[in-house]
Amino acid sequence: MVTVKTTSVGTKTRTGAYLYVQGSSPIDDTDSYAYYAGPVSAPAVGKCVQWGGGTNNQWWYSGWSHCS
């Protein structure tokens, strides 16, 4: 998954993509990016995931979803 910026595009700001597969450690890519963060990916067959991301002070995270 990736987080694509819609504000401050072309300017490096704190931007991140987050993925958490149930039973594993969270994976994230957060740094100063001009256009997008990520991709982050992980195998998740038969497991629930949380995912999210954001930029600057606007971040969003899902609840557990995509459970098989």
PDB file of N, CA and C in Angstrom:
ATOM      1  N   MET A   1       0.825  -1.157   0.000  1.00  0.00           N
ATOM      2  CA  MET A   1       0.000   0.000   0.000  1.00  0.00           C
ATOM      3  C   MET A   1       0.877   1.229   0.000  1.00  0.00           C
ATOM      4  N   VAL A   2       0.344   2.329  -0.460  1.00  0.00           N
ATOM      5  CA  VAL A   2       1.059   3.603  -0.474  1.00  0.00           C
ATOM      6  C   VAL A   2       0.141   4.695   0.052  1.00  0.00           C
ATOM      7  N   THR A   3       0.731   5.782   0.489  1.00  0.00           N
ATOM      8  CA  THR A   3       0.006   7.004   0.822  1.00  0.00           C
ATOM      9  C   THR A   3       0.431   8.041  -0.196  1.00  0.00           C
ATOM     10  N   VAL A   4      -0.507   8.525  -0.991  1.00  0.00           N
ATOM     11  CA  VAL A   4      -0.239   9.522  -2.018  1.00  0.00           C
ATOM     12  C   VAL A   4      -0.681  10.886  -1.502  1.00  0.00           C
ATOM     13  N   LYS A   5       0.202  11.854  -1.563  1.00  0.00           N
ATOM     14  CA  LYS A   5      -0.107  13.184  -1.052  1.00  0.00           C
ATOM     15  C   LYS A   5      -1.067  13.930  -1.978  1.00  0.00           C
ATOM     16  N   THR A   6      -1.989  14.688  -1.373  1.00  0.00           N
ATOM     17  CA  THR A   6      -2.876  15.561  -2.137  1.00  0.00           C
ATOM     18  C   THR A   6      -2.678  17.021  -1.749  1.00  0.00           C
ATOM     19  N   THR A   7      -1.913  17.268  -0.690  1.00  0.00           N
ATOM     20  CA  THR A   7      -1.540  18.627  -0.304  1.00  0.00           C
ATOM     21  C   THR A   7      -0.031  18.681  -0.158  1.00  0.00           C
ATOM     22  N   SER A   8       0.534  19.850  -0.308  1.00  0.00           N
ATOM     23  CA  SER A   8       1.989  20.036  -0.230  1.00  0.00           C
ATOM     24  C   SER A   8       2.725  19.110  -1.192  1.00  0.00           C
ATOM     25  N   VAL A   9       2.099  18.799  -2.322  1.00  0.00           N
ATOM     26  CA  VAL A   9       2.706  17.921  -3.329  1.00  0.00           C
ATOM     27  C   VAL A   9       3.954  18.599  -3.887  1.00  0.00           C
ATOM     28  N   GLY A  10       5.043  17.871  -3.926  1.00  0.00           N
ATOM     29  CA  GLY A  10       6.309  18.405  -4.423  1.00  0.00           C
ATOM     30  C   GLY A  10       7.177  18.991  -3.319  1.00  0.00           C
ATOM     31  N   THR A  11       6.601  19.155  -2.121  1.00  0.00           N
ATOM     32  CA  THR A  11       7.344  19.660  -0.975  1.00  0.00           C
ATOM     33  C   THR A  11       7.523  18.526   0.023  1.00  0.00           C
ATOM     34  N   LYS A  12       8.741  18.325   0.488  1.00  0.00           N
ATOM     35  CA  LYS A  12       8.986  17.240   1.435  1.00  0.00           C
ATOM     36  C   LYS A  12       8.344  17.571   2.783  1.00  0.00           C
ATOM     37  N   THR A  13       7.402  16.721   3.195  1.00  0.00           N
ATOM     38  CA  THR A  13       6.778  16.801   4.508  1.00  0.00           C
ATOM     39  C   THR A  13       6.707  15.392   5.075  1.00  0.00           C
ATOM     40  N   ARG A  14       6.493  15.286   6.368  1.00  0.00           N
ATOM     41  CA  ARG A  14       6.389  13.973   7.004  1.00  0.00           C
ATOM     42  C   ARG A  14       5.188  13.238   6.417  1.00  0.00           C
ATOM     43  N   THR A  15       5.450  12.086   5.806  1.00  0.00           N
ATOM     44  CA  THR A  15       4.424  11.301   5.126  1.00  0.00           C
ATOM     45  C   THR A  15       4.684   9.831   5.439  1.00  0.00           C
ATOM     46  N   GLY A  16       3.619   9.066   5.654  1.00  0.00           N
ATOM     47  CA  GLY A  16       3.824   7.678   6.005  1.00  0.00           C
ATOM     48  C   GLY A  16       2.743   6.747   5.502  1.00  0.00           C
ATOM     49  N   ALA A  17       3.120   5.492   5.330  1.00  0.00           N
ATOM     50  CA  ALA A  17       2.214   4.396   4.991  1.00  0.00           C
ATOM     51  C   ALA A  17       2.427   3.317   6.042  1.00  0.00           C
ATOM     52  N   TYR A  18       1.326   2.698   6.520  1.00  0.00           N
ATOM     53  CA  TYR A  18       1.375   1.785   7.660  1.00  0.00           C
ATOM     54  C   TYR A  18       0.585   0.524   7.352  1.00  0.00           C
ATOM     55  N   LEU A  19       1.146  -0.634   7.703  1.00  0.00           N
ATOM     56  CA  LEU A  19       0.471  -1.919   7.529  1.00  0.00           C
ATOM     57  C   LEU A  19       0.796  -2.809   8.724  1.00  0.00           C
ATOM     58  N   TYR A  20      -0.253  -3.389   9.321  1.00  0.00           N
ATOM     59  CA  TYR A  20      -0.088  -4.250  10.485  1.00  0.00           C
ATOM     60  C   TYR A  20      -0.874  -5.524  10.231  1.00  0.00           C
ATOM     61  N   VAL A  21      -0.161  -6.635  10.052  1.00  0.00           N
ATOM     62  CA  VAL A  21      -0.784  -7.943   9.858  1.00  0.00           C
ATOM     63  C   VAL A  21      -0.899  -8.599  11.229  1.00  0.00           C
ATOM     64  N   GLN A  22      -2.086  -9.073  11.562  1.00  0.00           N
ATOM     65  CA  GLN A  22      -2.342  -9.679  12.860  1.00  0.00           C
ATOM     66  C   GLN A  22      -1.307 -10.763  13.158  1.00  0.00           C
ATOM     67  N   GLY A  23      -0.665 -10.664  14.321  1.00  0.00           N
ATOM     68  CA  GLY A  23       0.342 -11.633  14.727  1.00  0.00           C
ATOM     69  C   GLY A  23       1.754 -11.291  14.291  1.00  0.00           C
ATOM     70  N   SER A  24       1.932 -10.187  13.580  1.00  0.00           N
ATOM     71  CA  SER A  24       3.255  -9.750  13.116  1.00  0.00           C
ATOM     72  C   SER A  24       3.546  -8.353  13.640  1.00  0.00           C
ATOM     73  N   SER A  25       4.750  -7.891  13.449  1.00  0.00           N
ATOM     74  CA  SER A  25       5.099  -6.519  13.809  1.00  0.00           C
ATOM     75  C   SER A  25       4.603  -5.562  12.735  1.00  0.00           C
ATOM     76  N   PRO A  26       4.171  -4.355  13.129  1.00  0.00           N
ATOM     77  CA  PRO A  26       3.741  -3.371  12.136  1.00  0.00           C
ATOM     78  C   PRO A  26       4.883  -3.006  11.183  1.00  0.00           C
ATOM     79  N   ILE A  27       4.516  -2.697   9.948  1.00  0.00           N
ATOM     80  CA  ILE A  27       5.464  -2.254   8.930  1.00  0.00           C
ATOM     81  C   ILE A  27       5.070  -0.837   8.552  1.00  0.00           C
ATOM     82  N   ASP A  28       6.039   0.061   8.507  1.00  0.00           N
ATOM     83  CA  ASP A  28       5.698   1.417   8.068  1.00  0.00           C
ATOM     84  C   ASP A  28       6.849   2.024   7.285  1.00  0.00           C
ATOM     85  N   ASP A  29       6.508   3.002   6.502  1.00  0.00           N
ATOM     86  CA  ASP A  29       7.491   3.795   5.763  1.00  0.00           C
ATOM     87  C   ASP A  29       7.116   5.249   6.020  1.00  0.00           C
ATOM     88  N   THR A  30       7.803   5.866   6.958  1.00  0.00           N
ATOM     89  CA  THR A  30       7.514   7.250   7.332  1.00  0.00           C
ATOM     90  C   THR A  30       8.803   8.052   7.261  1.00  0.00           C
ATOM     91  N   ASP A  31       8.763   9.152   6.517  1.00  0.00           N
ATOM     92  CA  ASP A  31       9.929  10.015   6.348  1.00  0.00           C
ATOM     93  C   ASP A  31       9.450  11.311   5.703  1.00  0.00           C
ATOM     94  N   SER A  32      10.370  12.153   5.301  1.00  0.00           N
ATOM     95  CA  SER A  32      10.017  13.380   4.570  1.00  0.00           C
ATOM     96  C   SER A  32       9.983  13.054   3.089  1.00  0.00           C
ATOM     97  N   TYR A  33       8.772  13.057   2.525  1.00  0.00           N
ATOM     98  CA  TYR A  33       8.585  12.721   1.115  1.00  0.00           C
ATOM     99  C   TYR A  33       7.850  13.850   0.398  1.00  0.00           C
ATOM    100  N   ALA A  34       8.138  14.000  -0.885  1.00  0.00           N
ATOM    101  CA  ALA A  34       7.505  15.050  -1.692  1.00  0.00           C
ATOM    102  C   ALA A  34       6.218  14.582  -2.361  1.00  0.00           C
ATOM    103  N   TYR A  35       6.080  13.281  -2.639  1.00  0.00           N
ATOM    104  CA  TYR A  35       4.934  12.805  -3.412  1.00  0.00           C
ATOM    105  C   TYR A  35       4.168  11.657  -2.767  1.00  0.00           C
ATOM    106  N   TYR A  36       4.853  10.674  -2.198  1.00  0.00           N
ATOM    107  CA  TYR A  36       4.160   9.528  -1.599  1.00  0.00           C
ATOM    108  C   TYR A  36       5.092   8.778  -0.652  1.00  0.00           C
ATOM    109  N   ALA A  37       4.492   7.967   0.221  1.00  0.00           N
ATOM    110  CA  ALA A  37       5.243   7.060   1.098  1.00  0.00           C
ATOM    111  C   ALA A  37       4.871   5.638   0.717  1.00  0.00           C
ATOM    112  N   GLY A  38       5.806   4.719   0.894  1.00  0.00           N
ATOM    113  CA  GLY A  38       5.555   3.324   0.560  1.00  0.00           C
ATOM    114  C   GLY A  38       6.258   2.982  -0.737  1.00  0.00           C
ATOM    115  N   PRO A  39       5.992   1.829  -1.247  1.00  0.00           N
ATOM    116  CA  PRO A  39       4.971   0.883  -0.806  1.00  0.00           C
ATOM    117  C   PRO A  39       5.426   0.049   0.391  1.00  0.00           C
ATOM    118  N   VAL A  40       4.435  -0.393   1.172  1.00  0.00           N
ATOM    119  CA  VAL A  40       4.658  -1.383   2.213  1.00  0.00           C
ATOM    120  C   VAL A  40       3.760  -2.568   1.882  1.00  0.00           C
ATOM    121  N   SER A  41       4.258  -3.763   2.103  1.00  0.00           N
ATOM    122  CA  SER A  41       3.462  -4.956   1.804  1.00  0.00           C
ATOM    123  C   SER A  41       3.915  -6.093   2.708  1.00  0.00           C
ATOM    124  N   ALA A  42       3.032  -7.064   2.892  1.00  0.00           N
ATOM    125  CA  ALA A  42       3.348  -8.236   3.705  1.00  0.00           C
ATOM    126  C   ALA A  42       2.345  -9.327   3.376  1.00  0.00           C
ATOM    127  N   PRO A  43       2.733 -10.595   3.468  1.00  0.00           N
ATOM    128  CA  PRO A  43       1.775 -11.678   3.270  1.00  0.00           C
ATOM    129  C   PRO A  43       0.749 -11.664   4.409  1.00  0.00           C
ATOM    130  N   ALA A  44      -0.524 -11.888   4.064  1.00  0.00           N
ATOM    131  CA  ALA A  44      -1.570 -11.815   5.085  1.00  0.00           C
ATOM    132  C   ALA A  44      -2.691 -12.818   4.835  1.00  0.00           C
ATOM    133  N   VAL A  45      -2.398 -13.925   4.196  1.00  0.00           N
ATOM    134  CA  VAL A  45      -3.426 -14.922   3.899  1.00  0.00           C
ATOM    135  C   VAL A  45      -4.011 -15.449   5.205  1.00  0.00           C
ATOM    136  N   GLY A  46      -5.323 -15.372   5.326  1.00  0.00           N
ATOM    137  CA  GLY A  46      -6.003 -15.890   6.499  1.00  0.00           C
ATOM    138  C   GLY A  46      -5.860 -15.046   7.753  1.00  0.00           C
ATOM    139  N   LYS A  47      -5.375 -13.803   7.616  1.00  0.00           N
ATOM    140  CA  LYS A  47      -5.168 -12.930   8.780  1.00  0.00           C
ATOM    141  C   LYS A  47      -5.844 -11.589   8.569  1.00  0.00           C
ATOM    142  N   CYS A  48      -6.171 -10.928   9.662  1.00  0.00           N
ATOM    143  CA  CYS A  48      -6.728  -9.578   9.599  1.00  0.00           C
ATOM    144  C   CYS A  48      -5.584  -8.571   9.471  1.00  0.00           C
ATOM    145  N   VAL A  49      -5.888  -7.416   8.914  1.00  0.00           N
ATOM    146  CA  VAL A  49      -4.887  -6.358   8.788  1.00  0.00           C
ATOM    147  C   VAL A  49      -5.463  -5.031   9.260  1.00  0.00           C
ATOM    148  N   GLN A  50      -4.575  -4.161   9.707  1.00  0.00           N
ATOM    149  CA  GLN A  50      -4.867  -2.744   9.917  1.00  0.00           C
ATOM    150  C   GLN A  50      -3.962  -1.999   8.958  1.00  0.00           C
ATOM    151  N   TRP A  51      -4.451  -0.911   8.414  1.00  0.00           N
ATOM    152  CA  TRP A  51      -3.650  -0.160   7.465  1.00  0.00           C
ATOM    153  C   TRP A  51      -3.986   1.318   7.603  1.00  0.00           C
ATOM    154  N   GLY A  52      -3.107   2.163   7.118  1.00  0.00           N
ATOM    155  CA  GLY A  52      -3.359   3.592   7.196  1.00  0.00           C
ATOM    156  C   GLY A  52      -2.165   4.382   6.735  1.00  0.00           C
ATOM    157  N   GLY A  53      -2.221   5.652   7.044  1.00  0.00           N
ATOM    158  CA  GLY A  53      -1.138   6.548   6.665  1.00  0.00           C
ATOM    159  C   GLY A  53      -1.594   7.981   6.736  1.00  0.00           C
ATOM    160  N   GLY A  54      -0.739   8.867   6.282  1.00  0.00           N
ATOM    161  CA  GLY A  54      -1.093  10.276   6.296  1.00  0.00           C
ATOM    162  C   GLY A  54       0.111  11.142   6.029  1.00  0.00           C
ATOM    163  N   THR A  55      -0.116  12.431   6.272  1.00  0.00           N
ATOM    164  CA  THR A  55       0.933  13.409   6.066  1.00  0.00           C
ATOM    165  C   THR A  55       0.759  14.548   7.060  1.00  0.00           C
ATOM    166  N   ASN A  56       1.848  15.144   7.461  1.00  0.00           N
ATOM    167  CA  ASN A  56       1.846  16.219   8.458  1.00  0.00           C
ATOM    168  C   ASN A  56       1.064  15.785   9.685  1.00  0.00           C
ATOM    169  N   ASN A  57       0.016  16.499  10.042  1.00  0.00           N
ATOM    170  CA  ASN A  57      -0.746  16.176  11.248  1.00  0.00           C
ATOM    171  C   ASN A  57      -2.061  15.480  10.948  1.00  0.00           C
ATOM    172  N   GLN A  58      -2.259  14.989   9.750  1.00  0.00           N
ATOM    173  CA  GLN A  58      -3.495  14.311   9.388  1.00  0.00           C
ATOM    174  C   GLN A  58      -3.185  12.851   9.066  1.00  0.00           C
ATOM    175  N   TRP A  59      -3.499  11.959  10.024  1.00  0.00           N
ATOM    176  CA  TRP A  59      -3.227  10.536   9.884  1.00  0.00           C
ATOM    177  C   TRP A  59      -4.506   9.770  10.086  1.00  0.00           C
ATOM    178  N   TRP A  60      -4.634   8.636   9.433  1.00  0.00           N
ATOM    179  CA  TRP A  60      -5.819   7.784   9.559  1.00  0.00           C
ATOM    180  C   TRP A  60      -5.369   6.332   9.623  1.00  0.00           C
ATOM    181  N   TYR A  61      -6.022   5.565  10.491  1.00  0.00           N
ATOM    182  CA  TYR A  61      -5.743   4.125  10.612  1.00  0.00           C
ATOM    183  C   TYR A  61      -7.063   3.364  10.626  1.00  0.00           C
ATOM    184  N   SER A  62      -7.123   2.261   9.921  1.00  0.00           N
ATOM    185  CA  SER A  62      -8.321   1.422   9.895  1.00  0.00           C
ATOM    186  C   SER A  62      -8.418   0.610  11.171  1.00  0.00           C
ATOM    187  N   GLY A  63      -9.578   0.037  11.385  1.00  0.00           N
ATOM    188  CA  GLY A  63      -9.709  -1.012  12.385  1.00  0.00           C
ATOM    189  C   GLY A  63      -9.259  -2.314  11.723  1.00  0.00           C
ATOM    190  N   TRP A  64      -9.371  -3.414  12.438  1.00  0.00           N
ATOM    191  CA  TRP A  64      -9.031  -4.702  11.838  1.00  0.00           C
ATOM    192  C   TRP A  64      -9.994  -4.967  10.699  1.00  0.00           C
ATOM    193  N   SER A  65      -9.486  -5.337   9.542  1.00  0.00           N
ATOM    194  CA  SER A  65     -10.333  -5.561   8.369  1.00  0.00           C
ATOM    195  C   SER A  65      -9.730  -6.623   7.466  1.00  0.00           C
ATOM    196  N   HIS A  66     -10.444  -6.933   6.405  1.00  0.00           N
ATOM    197  CA  HIS A  66     -10.007  -7.900   5.391  1.00  0.00           C
ATOM    198  C   HIS A  66      -9.709  -9.274   6.004  1.00  0.00           C
ATOM    199  N   CYS A  67     -10.448  -9.606   7.068  1.00  0.00           N
ATOM    200  CA  CYS A  67     -10.244 -10.892   7.739  1.00  0.00           C
ATOM    201  C   CYS A  67     -10.784 -12.015   6.842  1.00  0.00           C
ATOM    202  N   SER A  68     -10.032 -13.088   6.753  1.00  0.00           N
ATOM    203  CA  SER A  68     -10.451 -14.212   5.921  1.00  0.00           C
ATOM    204  C   SER A  68     -11.041 -15.322   6.767  1.00  0.00           C
TER     205      SER A  68
END
